[in-house]
N, C-alpha and C. Protein backbone atom coordinates (compact mmCIF):
# COMPACT_ATOMS: atom_id res chain seq x y z
N MET A 1 3.79 -30.54 -6.11
CA MET A 1 5.08 -29.63 -6.44
C MET A 1 4.94 -28.35 -5.08
N ASN A 2 6.62 -28.59 -5.24
CA ASN A 2 7.01 -27.84 -3.84
C ASN A 2 7.60 -26.17 -4.87
N LEU A 3 6.81 -25.35 -4.73
CA LEU A 3 7.24 -23.66 -5.21
C LEU A 3 8.31 -23.45 -4.00
N ALA A 4 9.25 -22.39 -4.79
CA ALA A 4 10.05 -21.51 -4.01
C ALA A 4 9.21 -20.66 -3.40
N PRO A 5 9.50 -20.12 -1.90
CA PRO A 5 8.55 -18.83 -1.70
C PRO A 5 8.53 -18.15 -2.73
N SER A 6 9.93 -17.14 -3.70
CA SER A 6 9.16 -16.39 -4.30
C SER A 6 8.08 -16.70 -5.82
N ALA A 7 8.80 -18.02 -6.33
CA ALA A 7 7.57 -18.50 -7.46
C ALA A 7 6.36 -19.16 -6.85
N ALA A 8 6.11 -19.33 -5.59
CA ALA A 8 4.59 -19.39 -5.01
C ALA A 8 4.25 -17.72 -4.82
N LEU A 9 4.65 -16.86 -4.43
CA LEU A 9 3.93 -15.37 -4.25
C LEU A 9 3.94 -14.80 -5.94
N VAL A 10 4.55 -15.05 -6.73
CA VAL A 10 4.39 -14.56 -8.37
C VAL A 10 3.12 -15.66 -8.85
N GLN A 11 3.20 -16.64 -8.37
CA GLN A 11 1.98 -17.23 -9.05
C GLN A 11 0.46 -16.62 -8.51
N LEU A 12 0.74 -16.28 -7.28
CA LEU A 12 -0.59 -15.45 -6.42
C LEU A 12 -0.58 -14.29 -6.65
N ILE A 13 -0.22 -13.69 -6.97
CA ILE A 13 0.00 -12.34 -7.43
C ILE A 13 -0.57 -11.95 -9.20
N GLN A 14 -0.07 -13.38 -10.01
CA GLN A 14 -0.94 -13.80 -11.32
C GLN A 14 -2.10 -14.21 -11.19
N LEU A 15 -2.49 -14.56 -10.20
CA LEU A 15 -3.69 -15.86 -10.29
C LEU A 15 -4.67 -15.34 -9.59
N THR A 16 -4.99 -14.26 -8.25
CA THR A 16 -5.42 -14.25 -7.07
C THR A 16 -6.57 -13.08 -7.90
N GLN A 17 -7.70 -13.52 -7.84
CA GLN A 17 -9.26 -12.14 -8.47
C GLN A 17 -8.96 -11.42 -7.19
N ASP A 18 -8.53 -11.31 -6.17
CA ASP A 18 -8.39 -10.32 -4.60
C ASP A 18 -7.92 -9.64 -4.85
N ASP A 19 -8.10 -7.99 -5.05
CA ASP A 19 -6.54 -7.23 -5.43
C ASP A 19 -6.02 -6.55 -3.68
N GLU A 20 -6.39 -6.69 -2.22
CA GLU A 20 -5.54 -6.95 -1.19
C GLU A 20 -4.80 -8.35 -1.33
N ILE A 21 -4.65 -9.61 -1.54
CA ILE A 21 -4.53 -10.50 -1.16
C ILE A 21 -3.24 -10.51 -2.44
N ARG A 22 -3.44 -10.07 -3.58
CA ARG A 22 -2.71 -9.34 -4.74
C ARG A 22 -1.40 -8.56 -4.14
N TRP A 23 -1.78 -7.60 -3.11
CA TRP A 23 -1.29 -6.46 -2.70
C TRP A 23 -0.20 -7.14 -1.46
N GLN A 24 -0.70 -8.02 -0.66
CA GLN A 24 0.06 -8.58 0.20
C GLN A 24 1.24 -9.44 -0.34
N ALA A 25 0.59 -10.03 -1.58
CA ALA A 25 1.62 -11.31 -1.65
C ALA A 25 3.45 -10.43 -2.32
N SER A 26 2.18 -9.05 -2.89
CA SER A 26 3.31 -8.30 -3.78
C SER A 26 4.09 -7.41 -3.10
N GLU A 27 3.55 -6.92 -1.83
CA GLU A 27 4.90 -6.55 -0.75
C GLU A 27 5.75 -7.99 -0.10
N LEU A 28 5.21 -9.08 0.00
CA LEU A 28 5.74 -9.88 0.89
C LEU A 28 6.99 -10.17 -0.50
N LEU A 29 6.85 -10.47 -1.87
CA LEU A 29 7.51 -10.76 -2.33
C LEU A 29 8.86 -9.85 -2.29
N TRP A 30 8.53 -8.59 -2.54
CA TRP A 30 9.39 -7.54 -2.43
C TRP A 30 10.14 -7.16 -1.60
N GLU A 31 10.24 -7.87 -0.33
CA GLU A 31 10.95 -7.97 0.74
C GLU A 31 11.39 -9.23 0.78
N ILE A 32 11.14 -10.14 -0.09
CA ILE A 32 12.22 -11.62 -0.38
C ILE A 32 12.83 -11.24 -0.89
N ASP A 33 12.79 -10.01 -2.41
CA ASP A 33 13.57 -10.34 -3.75
C ASP A 33 13.44 -8.87 -4.11
N PRO A 34 13.91 -7.61 -3.74
CA PRO A 34 12.91 -6.06 -4.41
C PRO A 34 13.32 -6.16 -5.73
N GLN A 35 14.27 -7.05 -6.58
CA GLN A 35 14.61 -6.43 -7.52
C GLN A 35 14.13 -7.50 -8.14
N HIS A 36 12.85 -8.46 -8.25
CA HIS A 36 12.15 -9.53 -9.24
C HIS A 36 10.87 -8.43 -9.80
N PRO A 37 10.97 -9.11 -11.26
CA PRO A 37 10.36 -8.40 -11.95
C PRO A 37 9.33 -8.26 -12.06
N ALA A 38 7.95 -9.26 -10.80
CA ALA A 38 7.02 -9.09 -10.49
C ALA A 38 6.52 -8.21 -9.69
N CYS A 39 7.99 -7.75 -9.10
CA CYS A 39 7.57 -6.44 -7.72
C CYS A 39 6.98 -5.14 -7.90
N PRO A 40 5.80 -4.88 -6.92
CA PRO A 40 5.60 -3.52 -6.97
C PRO A 40 6.63 -2.59 -6.98
N VAL A 41 6.37 -0.92 -7.75
CA VAL A 41 7.50 0.40 -7.84
C VAL A 41 6.99 0.32 -5.98
N ILE A 42 7.41 1.31 -4.76
CA ILE A 42 7.10 1.25 -3.94
C ILE A 42 7.93 2.76 -3.81
N ARG A 43 6.92 3.45 -3.56
CA ARG A 43 7.95 4.80 -2.81
C ARG A 43 7.67 5.39 -1.62
N ALA A 44 7.90 6.27 -1.09
CA ALA A 44 7.32 6.53 -0.10
C ALA A 44 8.20 7.87 0.69
N LYS A 45 7.47 8.99 0.80
CA LYS A 45 7.81 10.41 1.26
C LYS A 45 6.92 10.45 2.24
N ASP A 46 8.43 11.38 3.49
CA ASP A 46 7.59 12.35 4.32
C ASP A 46 7.51 13.80 4.22
N LEU A 47 5.81 13.57 4.15
CA LEU A 47 5.02 14.73 3.99
C LEU A 47 5.87 15.72 4.43
N GLY A 48 6.86 15.33 5.24
CA GLY A 48 7.17 16.98 5.89
C GLY A 48 5.64 17.89 6.93
N LEU A 49 4.33 16.70 7.72
CA LEU A 49 3.57 17.43 8.55
C LEU A 49 3.65 16.56 9.79
N TYR A 50 3.43 17.79 10.83
CA TYR A 50 3.66 17.01 12.34
C TYR A 50 1.69 17.53 12.15
N LEU A 51 1.21 16.52 12.73
CA LEU A 51 -0.08 16.92 13.08
C LEU A 51 -0.60 15.98 14.83
N ALA A 52 -0.98 17.12 15.30
CA ALA A 52 -1.21 16.65 16.58
C ALA A 52 0.58 16.09 17.52
N GLY A 53 1.67 16.56 16.65
CA GLY A 53 2.56 16.17 16.99
C GLY A 53 3.19 14.88 16.25
N TYR A 54 2.41 14.02 15.09
CA TYR A 54 2.69 13.39 14.82
C TYR A 54 3.02 13.34 13.27
N ALA A 55 4.63 13.14 12.91
CA ALA A 55 4.77 13.12 11.71
C ALA A 55 4.24 11.84 10.81
N ILE A 56 4.02 12.30 9.45
CA ILE A 56 3.19 11.38 8.48
C ILE A 56 4.06 11.52 7.35
N SER A 57 4.55 10.02 6.95
CA SER A 57 4.42 9.65 5.44
C SER A 57 3.30 9.00 4.69
N LEU A 58 3.81 9.78 3.58
CA LEU A 58 2.61 8.59 2.44
C LEU A 58 3.72 7.66 1.32
N MET A 59 3.47 6.61 1.49
CA MET A 59 3.63 5.50 0.61
C MET A 59 2.76 5.60 -0.51
N VAL A 60 3.10 5.30 -1.69
CA VAL A 60 2.29 4.84 -3.06
C VAL A 60 3.24 3.66 -3.93
N GLY A 61 2.40 2.78 -4.12
CA GLY A 61 2.96 1.71 -4.55
C GLY A 61 1.93 0.90 -5.90
N ILE A 62 2.46 0.72 -7.31
CA ILE A 62 1.89 0.34 -8.26
C ILE A 62 2.67 -0.98 -8.75
N LEU A 63 1.37 -1.36 -8.65
CA LEU A 63 1.86 -3.13 -9.20
C LEU A 63 1.10 -3.46 -10.58
N SER A 64 1.24 -3.93 -11.40
CA SER A 64 0.72 -4.46 -13.04
C SER A 64 0.17 -5.49 -12.80
N LYS A 65 -1.01 -5.38 -13.07
CA LYS A 65 -2.23 -6.68 -13.02
C LYS A 65 -2.15 -7.27 -14.05
N PRO A 66 -2.09 -8.72 -13.86
CA PRO A 66 -1.99 -9.08 -15.36
C PRO A 66 -3.23 -9.38 -16.44
N ASP A 67 -4.03 -8.46 -16.33
CA ASP A 67 -5.00 -7.79 -17.05
C ASP A 67 -4.73 -6.36 -17.92
N ARG A 68 -3.24 -5.94 -17.34
CA ARG A 68 -2.86 -4.82 -17.76
C ARG A 68 -3.32 -3.73 -17.66
N GLN A 69 -4.18 -3.80 -15.96
CA GLN A 69 -4.57 -2.73 -15.11
C GLN A 69 -3.95 -2.56 -14.02
N MET A 70 -3.68 -1.43 -14.09
CA MET A 70 -2.82 -1.42 -12.68
C MET A 70 -3.48 -1.10 -11.15
N LEU A 71 -2.49 -1.79 -10.19
CA LEU A 71 -2.92 -1.69 -8.70
C LEU A 71 -2.45 -0.55 -8.43
N ILE A 72 -3.19 0.38 -7.92
CA ILE A 72 -2.05 1.16 -7.09
C ILE A 72 -2.31 1.43 -5.41
N LEU A 73 -2.17 1.15 -4.82
CA LEU A 73 -1.52 1.25 -3.26
C LEU A 73 -1.21 2.76 -3.10
N LEU A 74 -2.07 2.89 -1.67
CA LEU A 74 -2.51 3.95 -1.04
C LEU A 74 -1.96 3.88 0.35
N ARG A 75 -0.85 4.01 1.07
CA ARG A 75 -0.73 4.22 2.91
C ARG A 75 -0.41 5.42 3.24
N THR A 76 -1.16 5.44 4.45
CA THR A 76 -0.53 6.40 5.13
C THR A 76 0.06 6.29 6.83
N TYR A 77 0.83 6.30 6.90
CA TYR A 77 1.78 5.59 8.06
C TYR A 77 2.34 7.05 9.64
N PRO A 78 2.52 7.11 10.12
CA PRO A 78 3.34 7.58 11.07
C PRO A 78 5.03 7.14 10.88
N ILE A 79 5.99 8.04 11.36
CA ILE A 79 7.08 7.79 11.11
C ILE A 79 7.44 7.82 12.20
N GLN A 80 7.44 8.62 13.20
CA GLN A 80 8.50 7.89 14.66
C GLN A 80 7.41 6.97 16.00
N GLN A 81 6.63 8.04 15.60
CA GLN A 81 4.90 6.87 16.77
C GLN A 81 4.94 5.76 16.13
N SER A 82 4.23 4.60 17.11
CA SER A 82 3.98 3.44 16.53
C SER A 82 2.70 3.22 15.91
N CYS A 83 1.88 4.61 16.30
CA CYS A 83 0.37 4.79 15.71
C CYS A 83 0.60 5.92 15.19
N LEU A 84 -0.92 6.42 14.26
CA LEU A 84 -1.01 7.45 13.45
C LEU A 84 -2.33 8.03 14.66
N SER A 85 -2.00 9.13 14.51
CA SER A 85 -2.90 10.13 15.07
C SER A 85 -4.46 9.98 14.95
N PRO A 86 -5.14 9.77 16.47
CA PRO A 86 -6.68 8.99 15.81
C PRO A 86 -7.44 10.28 15.13
N ARG A 87 -8.56 9.77 13.95
CA ARG A 87 -9.26 10.61 13.19
C ARG A 87 -8.08 11.43 11.59
N LEU A 88 -7.30 10.90 11.72
CA LEU A 88 -6.76 11.45 10.59
C LEU A 88 -7.40 10.83 9.51
N LYS A 89 -7.86 11.59 8.00
CA LYS A 89 -7.73 11.24 7.39
C LYS A 89 -7.21 10.74 6.07
N LEU A 90 -7.70 9.70 5.69
CA LEU A 90 -6.84 10.15 3.96
C LEU A 90 -8.05 10.08 3.08
N ILE A 91 -8.04 10.55 2.24
CA ILE A 91 -8.69 11.47 1.08
C ILE A 91 -8.22 11.65 -0.41
N ILE A 92 -8.79 10.84 -0.67
CA ILE A 92 -8.30 10.06 -2.26
C ILE A 92 -9.20 11.04 -3.34
N LEU A 93 -9.13 11.86 -4.38
CA LEU A 93 -9.99 12.27 -4.74
C LEU A 93 -9.96 11.15 -6.70
N ASP A 94 -10.89 11.96 -7.29
CA ASP A 94 -10.95 11.31 -8.79
C ASP A 94 -10.58 12.41 -9.84
N GLU A 95 -10.55 12.44 -10.74
CA GLU A 95 -9.91 13.21 -12.03
C GLU A 95 -11.11 14.83 -11.89
N THR A 96 -12.01 14.48 -11.17
CA THR A 96 -12.74 15.68 -11.07
C THR A 96 -12.41 16.84 -9.98
N GLU A 97 -11.95 15.75 -9.14
CA GLU A 97 -11.21 17.00 -7.95
C GLU A 97 -12.51 16.28 -6.75
N GLN A 98 -13.54 15.34 -7.38
CA GLN A 98 -14.31 14.79 -5.95
C GLN A 98 -14.43 14.16 -5.16
N VAL A 99 -14.53 13.53 -4.06
CA VAL A 99 -14.12 12.99 -3.55
C VAL A 99 -14.03 11.41 -3.66
N PHE A 100 -13.45 10.40 -3.92
CA PHE A 100 -13.83 9.30 -4.72
C PHE A 100 -13.67 8.32 -3.57
N GLN A 101 -12.69 8.65 -2.54
CA GLN A 101 -13.20 7.71 -1.34
C GLN A 101 -12.39 8.13 0.16
N GLU A 102 -12.44 7.82 1.13
CA GLU A 102 -12.12 8.85 2.30
C GLU A 102 -12.00 7.48 3.26
N LEU A 103 -10.86 7.17 4.35
CA LEU A 103 -10.55 6.74 4.78
C LEU A 103 -10.60 7.86 6.51
N GLU A 104 -11.02 7.11 7.38
CA GLU A 104 -10.13 7.11 8.86
C GLU A 104 -9.40 6.72 9.85
N SER A 105 -8.48 6.53 10.48
CA SER A 105 -8.02 6.30 10.94
C SER A 105 -8.32 5.96 12.26
N ARG A 106 -8.32 5.22 13.08
CA ARG A 106 -8.89 5.18 14.52
C ARG A 106 -7.45 4.83 15.88
N GLN A 107 -8.30 4.93 16.68
CA GLN A 107 -7.57 4.49 18.08
C GLN A 107 -6.05 3.19 17.27
N ARG A 108 -5.04 3.88 17.74
CA ARG A 108 -4.16 2.50 17.51
C ARG A 108 -3.98 1.98 16.13
N ASP A 109 -4.41 2.33 14.69
CA ASP A 109 -4.01 2.31 13.80
C ASP A 109 -2.31 2.34 13.83
N ASP A 110 -1.42 1.70 12.73
CA ASP A 110 -0.59 1.63 12.57
C ASP A 110 -0.27 2.32 11.40
N TYR A 111 -1.54 2.36 10.09
CA TYR A 111 -1.59 2.67 9.36
C TYR A 111 -3.01 2.94 8.67
N ILE A 112 -3.37 3.48 7.63
CA ILE A 112 -4.40 3.46 6.27
C ILE A 112 -4.18 3.08 5.31
N GLN A 113 -4.94 2.47 4.85
CA GLN A 113 -4.58 2.18 3.27
C GLN A 113 -5.38 2.50 2.59
N LYS A 114 -5.60 2.04 1.22
CA LYS A 114 -6.40 1.77 -0.05
C LYS A 114 -5.93 0.95 -1.08
N CYS A 115 -6.55 0.27 -1.66
CA CYS A 115 -5.88 -0.41 -2.92
C CYS A 115 -6.73 -0.76 -3.82
């Protein structure tokens, strides 16, 4: 059975247990057909921050999972340069404002993300 690319991606989004793969498939689907109902909601915002001369943007994506939970992706990336400033930190806080996750960019990272 040969599936169209969008149908294959939807099937992968619905069936995989790996959230990283689910997110990658949903981004590919978004590139092919951004209006598809299985696509994530993606918004990016120029934070207006310049850290060591680097302009930074934050992308937030939300994707419904088959179990009615939501998969949330946070991605920080440079606007004008090809790489992030080394040692840039993306810190995610929980509802009590405690550090839930902390990521740090390395030399030549073009983004850092957590889903």
